[in-house]
Amino acid sequence: ADRGGFLGVTMFPPFLRRDIHANVMDCEEAIDDTINAVGEDCVGIGT
């Protein structure tokens, strides 16, 4: 983020907190977590 990059947050269940049991709320958590780490300007959704 500090170098102007863009971060796409994945929706692939094995990369989310609840692994194969992940749902849309887990995707939302991952997006929120990433935004909290770097701000919203460089975060998107990698579908």
All heavy atoms as atom14 arrays in JSON, in Angstrom:
{
  "sequence": "ADRGGFLGVTMFPPFLRRDIHANVMDCEEAIDDTINAVGEDCVGIGT",
  "atom14_mask": [
    [1, 1, 1, 1, 1, 0, 0, 0, 0, 0, 0, 0, 0, 0],
    [1, 1, 1, 1, 1, 1, 1, 1, 0, 0, 0, 0, 0, 0],
    [1, 1, 1, 1, 1, 1, 1, 1, 1, 1, 1, 0, 0, 0],
    [1, 1, 1, 1, 0, 0, 0, 0, 0, 0, 0, 0, 0, 0],
    [1, 1, 1, 1, 0, 0, 0, 0, 0, 0, 0, 0, 0, 0],
    [1, 1, 1, 1, 1, 1, 1, 1, 1, 1, 1, 0, 0, 0],
    [1, 1, 1, 1, 1, 1, 1, 1, 0, 0, 0, 0, 0, 0],
    [1, 1, 1, 1, 0, 0, 0, 0, 0, 0, 0, 0, 0, 0],
    [1, 1, 1, 1, 1, 1, 1, 0, 0, 0, 0, 0, 0, 0],
    [1, 1, 1, 1, 1, 1, 1, 0, 0, 0, 0, 0, 0, 0],
    [1, 1, 1, 1, 1, 1, 1, 1, 0, 0, 0, 0, 0, 0],
    [1, 1, 1, 1, 1, 1, 1, 1, 1, 1, 1, 0, 0, 0],
    [1, 1, 1, 1, 1, 1, 1, 0, 0, 0, 0, 0, 0, 0],
    [1, 1, 1, 1, 1, 1, 1, 0, 0, 0, 0, 0, 0, 0],
    [1, 1, 1, 1, 1, 1, 1, 1, 1, 1, 1, 0, 0, 0],
    [1, 1, 1, 1, 1, 1, 1, 1, 0, 0, 0, 0, 0, 0],
    [1, 1, 1, 1, 1, 1, 1, 1, 1, 1, 1, 0, 0, 0],
    [1, 1, 1, 1, 1, 1, 1, 1, 1, 1, 1, 0, 0, 0],
    [1, 1, 1, 1, 1, 1, 1, 1, 0, 0, 0, 0, 0, 0],
    [1, 1, 1, 1, 1, 1, 1, 1, 0, 0, 0, 0, 0, 0],
    [1, 1, 1, 1, 1, 1, 1, 1, 1, 1, 0, 0, 0, 0],
    [1, 1, 1, 1, 1, 0, 0, 0, 0, 0, 0, 0, 0, 0],
    [1, 1, 1, 1, 1, 1, 1, 1, 0, 0, 0, 0, 0, 0],
    [1, 1, 1, 1, 1, 1, 1, 0, 0, 0, 0, 0, 0, 0],
    [1, 1, 1, 1, 1, 1, 1, 1, 0, 0, 0, 0, 0, 0],
    [1, 1, 1, 1, 1, 1, 1, 1, 0, 0, 0, 0, 0, 0],
    [1, 1, 1, 1, 1, 1, 0, 0, 0, 0, 0, 0, 0, 0],
    [1, 1, 1, 1, 1, 1, 1, 1, 1, 0, 0, 0, 0, 0],
    [1, 1, 1, 1, 1, 1, 1, 1, 1, 0, 0, 0, 0, 0],
    [1, 1, 1, 1, 1, 0, 0, 0, 0, 0, 0, 0, 0, 0],
    [1, 1, 1, 1, 1, 1, 1, 1, 0, 0, 0, 0, 0, 0],
    [1, 1, 1, 1, 1, 1, 1, 1, 0, 0, 0, 0, 0, 0],
    [1, 1, 1, 1, 1, 1, 1, 1, 0, 0, 0, 0, 0, 0],
    [1, 1, 1, 1, 1, 1, 1, 0, 0, 0, 0, 0, 0, 0],
    [1, 1, 1, 1, 1, 1, 1, 1, 0, 0, 0, 0, 0, 0],
    [1, 1, 1, 1, 1, 1, 1, 1, 0, 0, 0, 0, 0, 0],
    [1, 1, 1, 1, 1, 0, 0, 0, 0, 0, 0, 0, 0, 0],
    [1, 1, 1, 1, 1, 1, 1, 0, 0, 0, 0, 0, 0, 0],
    [1, 1, 1, 1, 0, 0, 0, 0, 0, 0, 0, 0, 0, 0],
    [1, 1, 1, 1, 1, 1, 1, 1, 1, 0, 0, 0, 0, 0],
    [1, 1, 1, 1, 1, 1, 1, 1, 0, 0, 0, 0, 0, 0],
    [1, 1, 1, 1, 1, 1, 0, 0, 0, 0, 0, 0, 0, 0],
    [1, 1, 1, 1, 1, 1, 1, 0, 0, 0, 0, 0, 0, 0],
    [1, 1, 1, 1, 0, 0, 0, 0, 0, 0, 0, 0, 0, 0],
    [1, 1, 1, 1, 1, 1, 1, 1, 0, 0, 0, 0, 0, 0],
    [1, 1, 1, 1, 0, 0, 0, 0, 0, 0, 0, 0, 0, 0],
    [1, 1, 1, 1, 1, 1, 1, 0, 0, 0, 0, 0, 0, 0]
  ],
  "atom14_positions": [
    [[0.82, -1.22, 0.0], [0.0, 0.0, 0.0], [0.85, 1.26, 0.0], [0.55, 2.23, -0.72], [-0.93, -0.01, 1.21], [0.0, 0.0, 0.0], [0.0, 0.0, 0.0], [0.0, 0.0, 0.0], [0.0, 0.0, 0.0], [0.0, 0.0, 0.0], [0.0, 0.0, 0.0], [0.0, 0.0, 0.0], [0.0, 0.0, 0.0], [0.0, 0.0, 0.0]],
    [[1.92, 1.27, 0.77], [2.77, 2.45, 0.88], [3.48, 2.79, -0.43], [3.97, 3.89, -0.61], [3.83, 2.27, 1.98], [3.23, 2.29, 3.37], [2.05, 2.7, 3.52], [3.94, 1.88, 4.31], [0.0, 0.0, 0.0], [0.0, 0.0, 0.0], [0.0, 0.0, 0.0], [0.0, 0.0, 0.0], [0.0, 0.0, 0.0], [0.0, 0.0, 0.0]],
    [[3.53, 1.84, -1.34], [4.2, 2.05, -2.62], [3.2, 2.19, -3.77], [3.54, 2.04, -4.94], [5.18, 0.91, -2.88], [6.41, 1.05, -1.98], [7.12, -0.25, -1.74], [8.28, -0.05, -0.86], [8.21, 0.08, 0.47], [7.04, 0.09, 1.08], [9.3, 0.24, 1.18], [0.0, 0.0, 0.0], [0.0, 0.0, 0.0], [0.0, 0.0, 0.0]],
    [[1.95, 2.48, -3.41], [0.93, 2.71, -4.43], [0.31, 1.47, -5.02], [-0.41, 1.54, -6.01], [0.0, 0.0, 0.0], [0.0, 0.0, 0.0], [0.0, 0.0, 0.0], [0.0, 0.0, 0.0], [0.0, 0.0, 0.0], [0.0, 0.0, 0.0], [0.0, 0.0, 0.0], [0.0, 0.0, 0.0], [0.0, 0.0, 0.0], [0.0, 0.0, 0.0]],
    [[0.57, 0.31, -4.41], [0.01, -0.94, -4.92], [-1.46, -1.1, -4.57], [-2.02, -0.35, -3.78], [0.0, 0.0, 0.0], [0.0, 0.0, 0.0], [0.0, 0.0, 0.0], [0.0, 0.0, 0.0], [0.0, 0.0, 0.0], [0.0, 0.0, 0.0], [0.0, 0.0, 0.0], [0.0, 0.0, 0.0], [0.0, 0.0, 0.0], [0.0, 0.0, 0.0]],
    [[-2.08, -2.09, -5.17], [-3.49, -2.38, -4.95], [-3.61, -3.8, -4.42], [-2.95, -4.71, -4.93], [-4.26, -2.24, -6.26], [-5.74, -2.34, -6.09], [-6.47, -1.25, -5.66], [-6.39, -3.52, -6.35], [-7.84, -1.34, -5.48], [-7.76, -3.63, -6.2], [-8.48, -2.53, -5.76], [0.0, 0.0, 0.0], [0.0, 0.0, 0.0], [0.0, 0.0, 0.0]],
    [[-4.44, -4.0, -3.41], [-4.61, -5.3, -2.77], [-6.0, -5.85, -3.06], [-6.99, -5.24, -2.69], [-4.4, -5.16, -1.26], [-3.02, -4.64, -0.87], [-3.06, -3.97, 0.49], [-2.02, -5.77, -0.91], [0.0, 0.0, 0.0], [0.0, 0.0, 0.0], [0.0, 0.0, 0.0], [0.0, 0.0, 0.0], [0.0, 0.0, 0.0], [0.0, 0.0, 0.0]],
    [[-6.07, -6.98, -3.73], [-7.33, -7.65, -3.98], [-7.54, -8.73, -2.95], [-6.75, -9.66, -2.84], [0.0, 0.0, 0.0], [0.0, 0.0, 0.0], [0.0, 0.0, 0.0], [0.0, 0.0, 0.0], [0.0, 0.0, 0.0], [0.0, 0.0, 0.0], [0.0, 0.0, 0.0], [0.0, 0.0, 0.0], [0.0, 0.0, 0.0], [0.0, 0.0, 0.0]],
    [[-8.6, -8.59, -2.16], [-8.9, -9.57, -1.11], [-9.63, -10.75, -1.74], [-10.66, -10.58, -2.38], [-9.74, -8.93, 0.02], [-10.06, -9.96, 1.09], [-9.02, -7.74, 0.62], [0.0, 0.0, 0.0], [0.0, 0.0, 0.0], [0.0, 0.0, 0.0], [0.0, 0.0, 0.0], [0.0, 0.0, 0.0], [0.0, 0.0, 0.0], [0.0, 0.0, 0.0]],
    [[-9.11, -11.92, -1.55], [-9.68, -13.12, -2.16], [-10.97, -13.56, -1.48], [-11.21, -13.28, -0.31], [-8.66, -14.28, -2.11], [-9.21, -15.38, -2.84], [-8.36, -14.73, -0.7], [0.0, 0.0, 0.0], [0.0, 0.0, 0.0], [0.0, 0.0, 0.0], [0.0, 0.0, 0.0], [0.0, 0.0, 0.0], [0.0, 0.0, 0.0], [0.0, 0.0, 0.0]],
    [[-11.77, -14.26, -2.24], [-12.98, -14.88, -1.7], [-12.83, -16.4, -1.73], [-13.8, -17.12, -1.52], [-14.2, -14.46, -2.51], [-14.54, -13.02, -2.37], [-16.05, -12.7, -3.29], [-16.34, -11.01, -2.81], [0.0, 0.0, 0.0], [0.0, 0.0, 0.0], [0.0, 0.0, 0.0], [0.0, 0.0, 0.0], [0.0, 0.0, 0.0], [0.0, 0.0, 0.0]],
    [[-11.64, -16.88, -2.0], [-11.39, -18.32, -2.1], [-11.41, -18.9, -0.69], [-10.56, -18.57, 0.14], [-10.05, -18.54, -2.78], [-9.72, -19.98, -3.07], [-10.59, -20.77, -3.81], [-8.54, -20.53, -2.61], [-10.29, -22.09, -4.09], [-8.22, -21.86, -2.88], [-9.11, -22.63, -3.63], [0.0, 0.0, 0.0], [0.0, 0.0, 0.0], [0.0, 0.0, 0.0]],
    [[-12.39, -19.77, -0.37], [-12.58, -20.24, 1.01], [-11.33, -20.76, 1.72], [-11.13, -20.43, 2.89], [-13.65, -21.32, 0.87], [-14.46, -20.86, -0.29], [-13.44, -20.28, -1.26], [0.0, 0.0, 0.0], [0.0, 0.0, 0.0], [0.0, 0.0, 0.0], [0.0, 0.0, 0.0], [0.0, 0.0, 0.0], [0.0, 0.0, 0.0], [0.0, 0.0, 0.0]],
    [[-10.45, -21.54, 1.08], [-9.27, -22.02, 1.81], [-8.36, -20.91, 2.33], [-7.53, -21.15, 3.2], [-8.55, -22.9, 0.79], [-9.63, -23.39, -0.1], [-10.56, -22.21, -0.23], [0.0, 0.0, 0.0], [0.0, 0.0, 0.0], [0.0, 0.0, 0.0], [0.0, 0.0, 0.0], [0.0, 0.0, 0.0], [0.0, 0.0, 0.0], [0.0, 0.0, 0.0]],
    [[-8.5, -19.69, 1.8], [-7.68, -18.57, 2.27], [-8.39, -17.73, 3.33], [-7.84, -16.74, 3.81], [-7.26, -17.68, 1.11], [-6.29, -18.33, 0.16], [-5.93, -17.69, -1.0], [-5.72, -19.57, 0.42], [-5.03, -18.27, -1.89], [-4.83, -20.15, -0.44], [-4.48, -19.5, -1.6], [0.0, 0.0, 0.0], [0.0, 0.0, 0.0], [0.0, 0.0, 0.0]],
    [[-9.61, -18.09, 3.67], [-10.37, -17.34, 4.67], [-10.3, -18.05, 6.02], [-9.9, -19.21, 6.12], [-11.82, -17.18, 4.21], [-11.97, -16.39, 2.9], [-13.41, -16.45, 2.41], [-11.52, -14.95, 3.07], [0.0, 0.0, 0.0], [0.0, 0.0, 0.0], [0.0, 0.0, 0.0], [0.0, 0.0, 0.0], [0.0, 0.0, 0.0], [0.0, 0.0, 0.0]],
    [[-10.72, -17.34, 7.04], [-10.54, -17.82, 8.42], [-11.17, -19.19, 8.67], [-10.59, -20.03, 9.33], [-11.11, -16.79, 9.4], [-10.89, -17.17, 10.87], [-11.38, -16.1, 11.81], [-12.75, -15.7, 11.58], [-13.82, -16.36, 12.05], [-13.67, -17.43, 12.78], [-15.03, -15.92, 11.79], [0.0, 0.0, 0.0], [0.0, 0.0, 0.0], [0.0, 0.0, 0.0]],
    [[-12.35, -19.42, 8.12], [-13.03, -20.7, 8.4], [-12.82, -21.73, 7.3], [-13.57, -22.71, 7.2], [-14.52, -20.44, 8.64], [-14.73, -19.65, 9.92], [-16.17, -19.49, 10.34], [-17.08, -19.21, 9.26], [-18.27, -19.79, 9.12], [-18.7, -20.66, 10.01], [-19.05, -19.48, 8.11], [0.0, 0.0, 0.0], [0.0, 0.0, 0.0], [0.0, 0.0, 0.0]],
    [[-11.83, -21.5, 6.48], [-11.41, -22.46, 5.45], [-12.61, -22.86, 4.59], [-13.34, -21.99, 4.15], [-10.74, -23.65, 6.12], [-9.85, -24.46, 5.19], [-10.02, -24.38, 3.97], [-8.98, -25.17, 5.69], [0.0, 0.0, 0.0], [0.0, 0.0, 0.0], [0.0, 0.0, 0.0], [0.0, 0.0, 0.0], [0.0, 0.0, 0.0], [0.0, 0.0, 0.0]],
    [[-12.83, -24.12, 4.35], [-13.88, -24.56, 3.44], [-15.29, -24.27, 3.96], [-16.25, -24.39, 3.22], [-13.75, -26.05, 3.09], [-13.89, -26.92, 4.33], [-12.43, -26.32, 2.38], [-14.04, -28.4, 4.01], [0.0, 0.0, 0.0], [0.0, 0.0, 0.0], [0.0, 0.0, 0.0], [0.0, 0.0, 0.0], [0.0, 0.0, 0.0], [0.0, 0.0, 0.0]],
    [[-15.42, -23.86, 5.19], [-16.72, -23.53, 5.77], [-17.03, -22.04, 5.67], [-18.03, -21.56, 6.2], [-16.79, -23.97, 7.22], [-16.49, -25.43, 7.39], [-17.34, -26.42, 6.95], [-15.41, -26.06, 7.89], [-16.8, -27.6, 7.19], [-15.61, -27.41, 7.76], [0.0, 0.0, 0.0], [0.0, 0.0, 0.0], [0.0, 0.0, 0.0], [0.0, 0.0, 0.0]],
    [[-16.18, -21.29, 4.98], [-16.34, -19.83, 4.86], [-17.6, -19.48, 4.09], [-18.05, -20.22, 3.21], [-15.12, -19.23, 4.18], [0.0, 0.0, 0.0], [0.0, 0.0, 0.0], [0.0, 0.0, 0.0], [0.0, 0.0, 0.0], [0.0, 0.0, 0.0], [0.0, 0.0, 0.0], [0.0, 0.0, 0.0], [0.0, 0.0, 0.0], [0.0, 0.0, 0.0]],
    [[-18.16, -18.32, 4.44], [-19.31, -17.79, 3.73], [-19.06, -16.31, 3.44], [-17.96, -15.81, 3.67], [-20.61, -18.02, 4.52], [-20.58, -17.34, 5.88], [-19.96, -16.3, 6.07], [-21.26, -17.93, 6.84], [0.0, 0.0, 0.0], [0.0, 0.0, 0.0], [0.0, 0.0, 0.0], [0.0, 0.0, 0.0], [0.0, 0.0, 0.0], [0.0, 0.0, 0.0]],
    [[-20.07, -15.61, 2.97], [-19.89, -14.2, 2.59], [-19.47, -13.35, 3.78], [-18.75, -12.36, 3.62], [-21.15, -13.65, 1.88], [-22.29, -13.46, 2.87], [-20.83, -12.36, 1.15], [0.0, 0.0, 0.0], [0.0, 0.0, 0.0], [0.0, 0.0, 0.0], [0.0, 0.0, 0.0], [0.0, 0.0, 0.0], [0.0, 0.0, 0.0], [0.0, 0.0, 0.0]],
    [[-19.89, -13.69, 4.98], [-19.49, -12.93, 6.15], [-17.98, -13.06, 6.41], [-17.34, -12.12, 6.87], [-20.28, -13.36, 7.39], [-21.8, -13.15, 7.25], [-22.27, -11.47, 6.82], [-21.9, -10.64, 8.33], [0.0, 0.0, 0.0], [0.0, 0.0, 0.0], [0.0, 0.0, 0.0], [0.0, 0.0, 0.0], [0.0, 0.0, 0.0], [0.0, 0.0, 0.0]],
    [[-17.41, -14.2, 6.09], [-15.97, -14.38, 6.22], [-15.23, -13.52, 5.19], [-14.17, -12.97, 5.48], [-15.59, -15.85, 6.06], [-16.2, -16.7, 7.16], [-15.82, -16.52, 8.32], [-17.08, -17.53, 6.84], [0.0, 0.0, 0.0], [0.0, 0.0, 0.0], [0.0, 0.0, 0.0], [0.0, 0.0, 0.0], [0.0, 0.0, 0.0], [0.0, 0.0, 0.0]],
    [[-15.81, -13.39, 4.0], [-15.22, -12.5, 2.98], [-15.26, -11.06, 3.48], [-14.27, -10.33, 3.37], [-16.0, -12.61, 1.68], [-15.92, -14.21, 0.89], [0.0, 0.0, 0.0], [0.0, 0.0, 0.0], [0.0, 0.0, 0.0], [0.0, 0.0, 0.0], [0.0, 0.0, 0.0], [0.0, 0.0, 0.0], [0.0, 0.0, 0.0], [0.0, 0.0, 0.0]],
    [[-16.39, -10.68, 4.04], [-16.53, -9.32, 4.58], [-15.51, -9.08, 5.69], [-14.88, -8.01, 5.74], [-17.94, -9.11, 5.11], [-18.17, -7.74, 5.65], [-19.57, -7.55, 6.19], [-20.49, -8.26, 5.76], [-19.73, -6.69, 7.06], [0.0, 0.0, 0.0], [0.0, 0.0, 0.0], [0.0, 0.0, 0.0], [0.0, 0.0, 0.0], [0.0, 0.0, 0.0]],
    [[-15.32, -10.05, 6.55], [-14.33, -9.92, 7.63], [-12.93, -9.72, 7.07], [-12.16, -8.88, 7.56], [-14.37, -11.16, 8.52], [-13.32, -11.16, 9.6], [-13.29, -12.46, 10.38], [-13.05, -13.52, 9.76], [-13.5, -12.41, 11.59], [0.0, 0.0, 0.0], [0.0, 0.0, 0.0], [0.0, 0.0, 0.0], [0.0, 0.0, 0.0], [0.0, 0.0, 0.0]],
    [[-12.6, -10.47, 6.03], [-11.26, -10.36, 5.42], [-11.08, -8.98, 4.79], [-10.0, -8.38, 4.89], [-11.07, -11.45, 4.38], [0.0, 0.0, 0.0], [0.0, 0.0, 0.0], [0.0, 0.0, 0.0], [0.0, 0.0, 0.0], [0.0, 0.0, 0.0], [0.0, 0.0, 0.0], [0.0, 0.0, 0.0], [0.0, 0.0, 0.0], [0.0, 0.0, 0.0]],
    [[-12.13, -8.46, 4.15], [-12.05, -7.14, 3.55], [-11.88, -6.08, 4.63], [-11.01, -5.22, 4.54], [-13.3, -6.86, 2.69], [-13.31, -7.79, 1.48], [-13.35, -5.39, 2.26], [-14.65, -7.87, 0.77], [0.0, 0.0, 0.0], [0.0, 0.0, 0.0], [0.0, 0.0, 0.0], [0.0, 0.0, 0.0], [0.0, 0.0, 0.0], [0.0, 0.0, 0.0]],
    [[-12.72, -6.15, 5.67], [-12.62, -5.2, 6.78], [-11.25, -5.25, 7.43], [-10.66, -4.22, 7.76], [-13.7, -5.47, 7.84], [-15.09, -5.06, 7.39], [-15.2, -4.27, 6.43], [-16.06, -5.53, 8.01], [0.0, 0.0, 0.0], [0.0, 0.0, 0.0], [0.0, 0.0, 0.0], [0.0, 0.0, 0.0], [0.0, 0.0, 0.0], [0.0, 0.0, 0.0]],
    [[-10.74, -6.45, 7.63], [-9.44, -6.63, 8.27], [-8.32, -5.98, 7.44], [-7.44, -5.31, 7.98], [-9.18, -8.13, 8.45], [-8.08, -8.42, 9.44], [-8.06, -7.78, 10.5], [-7.25, -9.29, 9.14], [0.0, 0.0, 0.0], [0.0, 0.0, 0.0], [0.0, 0.0, 0.0], [0.0, 0.0, 0.0], [0.0, 0.0, 0.0], [0.0, 0.0, 0.0]],
    [[-8.41, -6.15, 6.13], [-7.39, -5.57, 5.25], [-7.51, -4.05, 5.22], [-6.51, -3.34, 5.28], [-7.5, -6.18, 3.84], [-7.42, -7.61, 3.95], [-6.39, -5.68, 2.94], [0.0, 0.0, 0.0], [0.0, 0.0, 0.0], [0.0, 0.0, 0.0], [0.0, 0.0, 0.0], [0.0, 0.0, 0.0], [0.0, 0.0, 0.0], [0.0, 0.0, 0.0]],
    [[-8.75, -3.54, 5.16], [-8.95, -2.09, 5.19], [-8.44, -1.51, 6.5], [-7.8, -0.45, 6.51], [-10.44, -1.75, 4.96], [-10.82, -2.02, 3.51], [-10.74, -0.29, 5.34], [-12.3, -1.92, 3.21], [0.0, 0.0, 0.0], [0.0, 0.0, 0.0], [0.0, 0.0, 0.0], [0.0, 0.0, 0.0], [0.0, 0.0, 0.0], [0.0, 0.0, 0.0]],
    [[-8.67, -2.2, 7.59], [-8.16, -1.72, 8.89], [-6.64, -1.68, 8.92], [-6.05, -0.84, 9.61], [-8.68, -2.59, 10.03], [-10.16, -2.39, 10.29], [-10.71, -1.34, 9.98], [-10.79, -3.39, 10.85], [0.0, 0.0, 0.0], [0.0, 0.0, 0.0], [0.0, 0.0, 0.0], [0.0, 0.0, 0.0], [0.0, 0.0, 0.0], [0.0, 0.0, 0.0]],
    [[-5.99, -2.55, 8.17], [-4.53, -2.59, 8.16], [-3.93, -1.5, 7.27], [-2.88, -0.96, 7.61], [-4.04, -3.97, 7.69], [0.0, 0.0, 0.0], [0.0, 0.0, 0.0], [0.0, 0.0, 0.0], [0.0, 0.0, 0.0], [0.0, 0.0, 0.0], [0.0, 0.0, 0.0], [0.0, 0.0, 0.0], [0.0, 0.0, 0.0], [0.0, 0.0, 0.0]],
    [[-4.59, -1.18, 6.14], [-3.94, -0.27, 5.17], [-4.81, 0.88, 4.7], [-4.33, 1.73, 3.95], [-3.44, -1.06, 3.94], [-2.41, -2.08, 4.33], [-4.59, -1.68, 3.18], [0.0, 0.0, 0.0], [0.0, 0.0, 0.0], [0.0, 0.0, 0.0], [0.0, 0.0, 0.0], [0.0, 0.0, 0.0], [0.0, 0.0, 0.0], [0.0, 0.0, 0.0]],
    [[-6.06, 0.94, 5.08], [-6.97, 1.97, 4.58], [-7.72, 1.48, 3.36], [-7.34, 0.5, 2.72], [0.0, 0.0, 0.0], [0.0, 0.0, 0.0], [0.0, 0.0, 0.0], [0.0, 0.0, 0.0], [0.0, 0.0, 0.0], [0.0, 0.0, 0.0], [0.0, 0.0, 0.0], [0.0, 0.0, 0.0], [0.0, 0.0, 0.0], [0.0, 0.0, 0.0]],
    [[-8.77, 2.19, 3.01], [-9.68, 1.72, 1.97], [-9.25, 2.05, 0.54], [-9.75, 1.47, -0.41], [-11.08, 2.27, 2.21], [-11.17, 3.77, 2.08], [-12.52, 4.32, 2.47], [-13.16, 3.78, 3.37], [-12.92, 5.31, 1.84], [0.0, 0.0, 0.0], [0.0, 0.0, 0.0], [0.0, 0.0, 0.0], [0.0, 0.0, 0.0], [0.0, 0.0, 0.0]],
    [[-8.35, 2.97, 0.37], [-8.03, 3.45, -0.97], [-7.32, 2.44, -1.87], [-7.33, 2.59, -3.09], [-7.18, 4.72, -0.9], [-7.97, 5.9, -0.35], [-9.22, 5.87, -0.43], [-7.34, 6.84, 0.15], [0.0, 0.0, 0.0], [0.0, 0.0, 0.0], [0.0, 0.0, 0.0], [0.0, 0.0, 0.0], [0.0, 0.0, 0.0], [0.0, 0.0, 0.0]],
    [[-6.72, 1.43, -1.3], [-5.95, 0.48, -2.13], [-6.44, -0.96, -1.97], [-5.72, -1.9, -2.27], [-4.47, 0.59, -1.8], [-4.1, 0.22, -0.1], [0.0, 0.0, 0.0], [0.0, 0.0, 0.0], [0.0, 0.0, 0.0], [0.0, 0.0, 0.0], [0.0, 0.0, 0.0], [0.0, 0.0, 0.0], [0.0, 0.0, 0.0], [0.0, 0.0, 0.0]],
    [[-7.69, -1.12, -1.51], [-8.22, -2.46, -1.27], [-9.42, -2.72, -2.17], [-10.32, -1.89, -2.28], [-8.64, -2.64, 0.21], [-9.24, -4.02, 0.44], [-7.44, -2.42, 1.12], [0.0, 0.0, 0.0], [0.0, 0.0, 0.0], [0.0, 0.0, 0.0], [0.0, 0.0, 0.0], [0.0, 0.0, 0.0], [0.0, 0.0, 0.0], [0.0, 0.0, 0.0]],
    [[-9.4, -3.87, -2.82], [-10.51, -4.28, -3.67], [-10.86, -5.73, -3.4], [-10.3, -6.37, -2.51], [0.0, 0.0, 0.0], [0.0, 0.0, 0.0], [0.0, 0.0, 0.0], [0.0, 0.0, 0.0], [0.0, 0.0, 0.0], [0.0, 0.0, 0.0], [0.0, 0.0, 0.0], [0.0, 0.0, 0.0], [0.0, 0.0, 0.0], [0.0, 0.0, 0.0]],
    [[-11.76, -6.24, -4.19], [-12.24, -7.61, -4.02], [-11.74, -8.44, -5.2], [-11.99, -8.11, -6.36], [-13.77, -7.65, -3.94], [-14.24, -6.8, -2.76], [-14.26, -9.08, -3.82], [-15.72, -6.52, -2.76], [0.0, 0.0, 0.0], [0.0, 0.0, 0.0], [0.0, 0.0, 0.0], [0.0, 0.0, 0.0], [0.0, 0.0, 0.0], [0.0, 0.0, 0.0]],
    [[-11.02, -9.5, -4.88], [-10.52, -10.41, -5.9], [-11.44, -11.61, -6.01], [-11.35, -12.53, -5.21], [0.0, 0.0, 0.0], [0.0, 0.0, 0.0], [0.0, 0.0, 0.0], [0.0, 0.0, 0.0], [0.0, 0.0, 0.0], [0.0, 0.0, 0.0], [0.0, 0.0, 0.0], [0.0, 0.0, 0.0], [0.0, 0.0, 0.0], [0.0, 0.0, 0.0]],
    [[-12.36, -11.59, -6.99], [-13.38, -12.64, -7.08], [-13.0, -13.73, -8.07], [-13.81, -14.14, -8.89], [-14.74, -12.03, -7.49], [-14.56, -11.41, -8.77], [-15.23, -11.02, -6.5], [0.0, 0.0, 0.0], [0.0, 0.0, 0.0], [0.0, 0.0, 0.0], [0.0, 0.0, 0.0], [0.0, 0.0, 0.0], [0.0, 0.0, 0.0], [0.0, 0.0, 0.0]]
  ]
}
